[in-house]
Amino acid sequence: MTAAPEHSSVDAVDLSSSVALRARGMLGTFSEAGVLHAADVHVAQRLGALCGEADESVLLAVALVVRGVRMGSVRLRLGDVAESVVVDRSDPEAV
């Protein structure tokens, strides 16, 4: 049996600056502000399309849950979102 290599041959991808360019409404606003990654937005949009959900607040909640899971959490307490959401960008005008 061979040992697993210490380092992968695939470089890590920096996902910190990915903006969902075609996102509109609240998803677009949160993506442009650096709160949501494009992957968070795309998953929310796809699930919304599959389920026939168009309510922006529901899609934003889905995107925030996806963000939380991506960041290692297994739940999202909606009452604590304002305290846990941090803008990734240093531009004060983005918020």
N, C-alpha and C. Protein backbone atom coordinates (compact mmCIF):
# COMPACT_ATOMS: atom_id res chain seq x y z
N MET A 1 0.85 -1.18 0.00
CA MET A 1 0.00 0.00 0.00
C MET A 1 0.89 1.24 0.00
N THR A 2 0.58 2.21 -0.83
CA THR A 2 1.39 3.42 -0.91
C THR A 2 0.78 4.51 -0.05
N ALA A 3 1.63 5.36 0.45
CA ALA A 3 1.18 6.47 1.29
C ALA A 3 0.64 7.59 0.41
N ALA A 4 -0.33 8.30 0.92
CA ALA A 4 -0.89 9.44 0.20
C ALA A 4 0.15 10.55 0.12
N PRO A 5 0.22 11.26 -0.99
CA PRO A 5 1.19 12.35 -1.09
C PRO A 5 0.85 13.47 -0.12
N GLU A 6 1.92 14.11 0.38
CA GLU A 6 1.71 15.21 1.32
C GLU A 6 1.04 16.41 0.68
N HIS A 7 1.39 16.71 -0.55
CA HIS A 7 0.84 17.87 -1.24
C HIS A 7 0.14 17.40 -2.50
N SER A 8 -1.00 17.98 -2.76
CA SER A 8 -1.74 17.65 -3.97
C SER A 8 -1.07 18.33 -5.16
N SER A 9 -1.19 17.73 -6.33
CA SER A 9 -0.64 18.34 -7.53
C SER A 9 -1.53 19.47 -8.04
N VAL A 10 -2.73 19.58 -7.49
CA VAL A 10 -3.66 20.63 -7.89
C VAL A 10 -3.51 21.80 -6.91
N ASP A 11 -3.28 22.98 -7.45
CA ASP A 11 -3.15 24.17 -6.61
C ASP A 11 -4.50 24.55 -6.03
N ALA A 12 -4.47 25.10 -4.83
CA ALA A 12 -5.70 25.59 -4.20
C ALA A 12 -6.22 26.78 -4.99
N VAL A 13 -7.52 26.87 -5.10
CA VAL A 13 -8.15 27.96 -5.83
C VAL A 13 -8.62 29.01 -4.84
N ASP A 14 -8.28 30.25 -5.08
CA ASP A 14 -8.72 31.34 -4.22
C ASP A 14 -10.13 31.74 -4.62
N LEU A 15 -11.09 31.50 -3.74
CA LEU A 15 -12.49 31.79 -4.02
C LEU A 15 -12.96 33.09 -3.37
N SER A 16 -12.05 33.82 -2.74
CA SER A 16 -12.46 34.98 -1.96
C SER A 16 -12.96 36.16 -2.80
N SER A 17 -12.62 36.21 -4.07
CA SER A 17 -13.00 37.38 -4.86
C SER A 17 -13.98 37.06 -5.98
N SER A 18 -14.68 35.96 -5.89
CA SER A 18 -15.60 35.56 -6.94
C SER A 18 -16.95 36.25 -6.77
N VAL A 19 -17.34 37.03 -7.77
CA VAL A 19 -18.60 37.75 -7.75
C VAL A 19 -19.53 37.14 -8.81
N ALA A 20 -20.78 36.96 -8.45
CA ALA A 20 -21.77 36.46 -9.41
C ALA A 20 -22.16 37.63 -10.31
N LEU A 21 -21.59 37.68 -11.49
CA LEU A 21 -21.74 38.83 -12.37
C LEU A 21 -23.15 39.05 -12.88
N ARG A 22 -23.92 37.99 -13.05
CA ARG A 22 -25.28 38.12 -13.59
C ARG A 22 -26.36 38.14 -12.51
N ALA A 23 -25.96 38.11 -11.27
CA ALA A 23 -26.95 38.10 -10.17
C ALA A 23 -27.63 39.46 -10.07
N ARG A 24 -28.90 39.45 -9.79
CA ARG A 24 -29.69 40.67 -9.66
C ARG A 24 -30.31 40.71 -8.26
N GLY A 25 -30.87 41.84 -7.93
CA GLY A 25 -31.58 41.98 -6.66
C GLY A 25 -30.68 41.80 -5.46
N MET A 26 -31.25 41.24 -4.41
CA MET A 26 -30.50 41.06 -3.16
C MET A 26 -29.30 40.14 -3.33
N LEU A 27 -29.43 39.09 -4.14
CA LEU A 27 -28.30 38.18 -4.37
C LEU A 27 -27.14 38.94 -5.01
N GLY A 28 -27.44 39.79 -5.97
CA GLY A 28 -26.41 40.59 -6.61
C GLY A 28 -25.76 41.57 -5.66
N THR A 29 -26.58 42.21 -4.85
CA THR A 29 -26.06 43.18 -3.88
C THR A 29 -25.12 42.51 -2.89
N PHE A 30 -25.52 41.36 -2.35
CA PHE A 30 -24.68 40.66 -1.38
C PHE A 30 -23.43 40.09 -2.03
N SER A 31 -23.54 39.68 -3.28
CA SER A 31 -22.37 39.17 -4.00
C SER A 31 -21.37 40.29 -4.27
N GLU A 32 -21.87 41.41 -4.76
CA GLU A 32 -21.00 42.55 -5.05
C GLU A 32 -20.33 43.10 -3.79
N ALA A 33 -21.01 42.97 -2.65
CA ALA A 33 -20.44 43.44 -1.39
C ALA A 33 -19.41 42.46 -0.82
N GLY A 34 -19.29 41.30 -1.45
CA GLY A 34 -18.30 40.33 -0.98
C GLY A 34 -18.80 39.39 0.09
N VAL A 35 -20.09 39.46 0.42
CA VAL A 35 -20.66 38.58 1.44
C VAL A 35 -20.88 37.20 0.87
N LEU A 36 -21.41 37.12 -0.35
CA LEU A 36 -21.69 35.85 -1.00
C LEU A 36 -20.71 35.61 -2.14
N HIS A 37 -20.31 34.37 -2.27
CA HIS A 37 -19.46 33.93 -3.38
C HIS A 37 -20.38 33.56 -4.55
N ALA A 38 -19.85 33.58 -5.74
CA ALA A 38 -20.66 33.24 -6.91
C ALA A 38 -21.29 31.86 -6.75
N ALA A 39 -20.56 30.91 -6.17
CA ALA A 39 -21.11 29.56 -5.98
C ALA A 39 -22.34 29.58 -5.08
N ASP A 40 -22.33 30.41 -4.04
CA ASP A 40 -23.48 30.52 -3.14
C ASP A 40 -24.70 31.01 -3.91
N VAL A 41 -24.48 32.01 -4.74
CA VAL A 41 -25.56 32.61 -5.53
C VAL A 41 -26.09 31.62 -6.55
N HIS A 42 -25.19 30.95 -7.25
CA HIS A 42 -25.61 30.03 -8.30
C HIS A 42 -26.41 28.85 -7.74
N VAL A 43 -25.99 28.32 -6.60
CA VAL A 43 -26.74 27.22 -5.98
C VAL A 43 -28.14 27.71 -5.60
N ALA A 44 -28.23 28.89 -5.00
CA ALA A 44 -29.54 29.43 -4.61
C ALA A 44 -30.43 29.66 -5.83
N GLN A 45 -29.85 30.22 -6.88
CA GLN A 45 -30.64 30.45 -8.08
C GLN A 45 -31.12 29.14 -8.72
N ARG A 46 -30.25 28.15 -8.75
CA ARG A 46 -30.63 26.87 -9.36
C ARG A 46 -31.70 26.17 -8.54
N LEU A 47 -31.55 26.15 -7.21
CA LEU A 47 -32.57 25.54 -6.37
C LEU A 47 -33.90 26.28 -6.50
N GLY A 48 -33.83 27.60 -6.58
CA GLY A 48 -35.05 28.39 -6.77
C GLY A 48 -35.74 28.03 -8.08
N ALA A 49 -34.94 27.88 -9.14
CA ALA A 49 -35.52 27.52 -10.44
C ALA A 49 -36.13 26.12 -10.40
N LEU A 50 -35.45 25.19 -9.77
CA LEU A 50 -35.96 23.81 -9.69
C LEU A 50 -37.25 23.71 -8.88
N CYS A 51 -37.36 24.56 -7.85
CA CYS A 51 -38.51 24.50 -6.94
C CYS A 51 -39.58 25.53 -7.28
N GLY A 52 -39.32 26.37 -8.27
CA GLY A 52 -40.29 27.40 -8.63
C GLY A 52 -40.37 28.52 -7.61
N GLU A 53 -39.28 28.76 -6.90
CA GLU A 53 -39.24 29.82 -5.88
C GLU A 53 -38.59 31.06 -6.46
N ALA A 54 -39.27 32.20 -6.37
CA ALA A 54 -38.74 33.45 -6.92
C ALA A 54 -38.59 34.54 -5.85
N ASP A 55 -39.04 34.28 -4.63
CA ASP A 55 -38.96 35.27 -3.55
C ASP A 55 -37.49 35.54 -3.22
N GLU A 56 -37.07 36.80 -3.37
CA GLU A 56 -35.67 37.17 -3.15
C GLU A 56 -35.20 36.85 -1.74
N SER A 57 -36.05 37.03 -0.75
CA SER A 57 -35.62 36.77 0.62
C SER A 57 -35.37 35.28 0.85
N VAL A 58 -36.16 34.42 0.20
CA VAL A 58 -35.95 32.97 0.30
C VAL A 58 -34.64 32.59 -0.39
N LEU A 59 -34.40 33.15 -1.58
CA LEU A 59 -33.17 32.84 -2.30
C LEU A 59 -31.95 33.35 -1.55
N LEU A 60 -32.06 34.51 -0.91
CA LEU A 60 -30.96 35.03 -0.10
C LEU A 60 -30.70 34.10 1.09
N ALA A 61 -31.76 33.63 1.73
CA ALA A 61 -31.59 32.69 2.86
C ALA A 61 -30.89 31.42 2.39
N VAL A 62 -31.27 30.91 1.22
CA VAL A 62 -30.61 29.71 0.68
C VAL A 62 -29.13 30.00 0.43
N ALA A 63 -28.83 31.12 -0.19
CA ALA A 63 -27.44 31.47 -0.48
C ALA A 63 -26.63 31.61 0.81
N LEU A 64 -27.23 32.17 1.86
CA LEU A 64 -26.52 32.31 3.13
C LEU A 64 -26.28 30.95 3.79
N VAL A 65 -27.22 30.03 3.62
CA VAL A 65 -27.02 28.67 4.13
C VAL A 65 -25.88 27.99 3.37
N VAL A 66 -25.89 28.13 2.05
CA VAL A 66 -24.81 27.55 1.24
C VAL A 66 -23.47 28.14 1.66
N ARG A 67 -23.43 29.46 1.88
CA ARG A 67 -22.21 30.12 2.35
C ARG A 67 -21.75 29.54 3.67
N GLY A 68 -22.70 29.35 4.59
CA GLY A 68 -22.36 28.80 5.90
C GLY A 68 -21.76 27.41 5.80
N VAL A 69 -22.35 26.56 4.97
CA VAL A 69 -21.83 25.20 4.79
C VAL A 69 -20.45 25.27 4.14
N ARG A 70 -20.29 26.13 3.16
CA ARG A 70 -18.98 26.29 2.50
C ARG A 70 -17.91 26.72 3.50
N MET A 71 -18.32 27.49 4.50
CA MET A 71 -17.38 27.98 5.50
C MET A 71 -17.24 27.02 6.69
N GLY A 72 -17.91 25.87 6.64
CA GLY A 72 -17.71 24.86 7.66
C GLY A 72 -18.82 24.71 8.68
N SER A 73 -19.86 25.48 8.58
CA SER A 73 -20.96 25.38 9.53
C SER A 73 -22.00 24.37 9.04
N VAL A 74 -22.79 23.87 9.96
CA VAL A 74 -23.84 22.94 9.57
C VAL A 74 -25.24 23.49 9.82
N ARG A 75 -25.31 24.77 10.21
CA ARG A 75 -26.62 25.40 10.43
C ARG A 75 -26.49 26.92 10.26
N LEU A 76 -27.61 27.56 10.12
CA LEU A 76 -27.65 29.01 10.02
C LEU A 76 -28.75 29.52 10.93
N ARG A 77 -28.36 30.30 11.93
CA ARG A 77 -29.33 30.93 12.82
C ARG A 77 -29.63 32.30 12.23
N LEU A 78 -30.83 32.46 11.69
CA LEU A 78 -31.17 33.70 11.00
C LEU A 78 -31.07 34.92 11.90
N GLY A 79 -31.32 34.75 13.18
CA GLY A 79 -31.22 35.87 14.11
C GLY A 79 -29.78 36.34 14.31
N ASP A 80 -28.81 35.49 13.97
CA ASP A 80 -27.40 35.83 14.16
C ASP A 80 -26.70 36.22 12.87
N VAL A 81 -27.41 36.26 11.75
CA VAL A 81 -26.78 36.53 10.46
C VAL A 81 -26.08 37.88 10.44
N ALA A 82 -26.72 38.90 10.96
CA ALA A 82 -26.13 40.24 10.92
C ALA A 82 -24.78 40.28 11.65
N GLU A 83 -24.63 39.47 12.68
CA GLU A 83 -23.37 39.44 13.43
C GLU A 83 -22.31 38.59 12.75
N SER A 84 -22.75 37.60 11.96
CA SER A 84 -21.79 36.67 11.38
C SER A 84 -21.37 37.01 9.95
N VAL A 85 -22.10 37.90 9.30
CA VAL A 85 -21.78 38.26 7.91
C VAL A 85 -20.75 39.37 7.94
N VAL A 86 -19.63 39.11 7.29
CA VAL A 86 -18.55 40.09 7.21
C VAL A 86 -18.25 40.33 5.74
N VAL A 87 -18.16 41.58 5.36
CA VAL A 87 -17.83 41.93 3.99
C VAL A 87 -16.37 41.61 3.77
N ASP A 88 -16.07 40.90 2.70
CA ASP A 88 -14.70 40.48 2.40
C ASP A 88 -13.86 41.58 1.79
N ARG A 89 -14.47 42.62 1.30
CA ARG A 89 -13.74 43.67 0.61
C ARG A 89 -13.43 44.84 1.54
N SER A 90 -12.39 45.55 1.23
CA SER A 90 -12.02 46.70 2.06
C SER A 90 -12.67 48.00 1.60
N ASP A 91 -13.45 47.97 0.53
CA ASP A 91 -14.10 49.16 -0.01
C ASP A 91 -15.35 49.49 0.82
N PRO A 92 -15.32 50.58 1.58
CA PRO A 92 -16.50 50.94 2.41
C PRO A 92 -17.71 51.30 1.57
N GLU A 93 -17.54 51.68 0.32
CA GLU A 93 -18.66 52.02 -0.56
C GLU A 93 -19.41 50.76 -1.03
N ALA A 94 -18.79 49.58 -0.89
CA ALA A 94 -19.40 48.35 -1.38
C ALA A 94 -20.55 47.89 -0.50
N VAL A 95 -20.64 48.40 0.70
CA VAL A 95 -21.68 47.93 1.63
C VAL A 95 -22.89 48.80 1.54
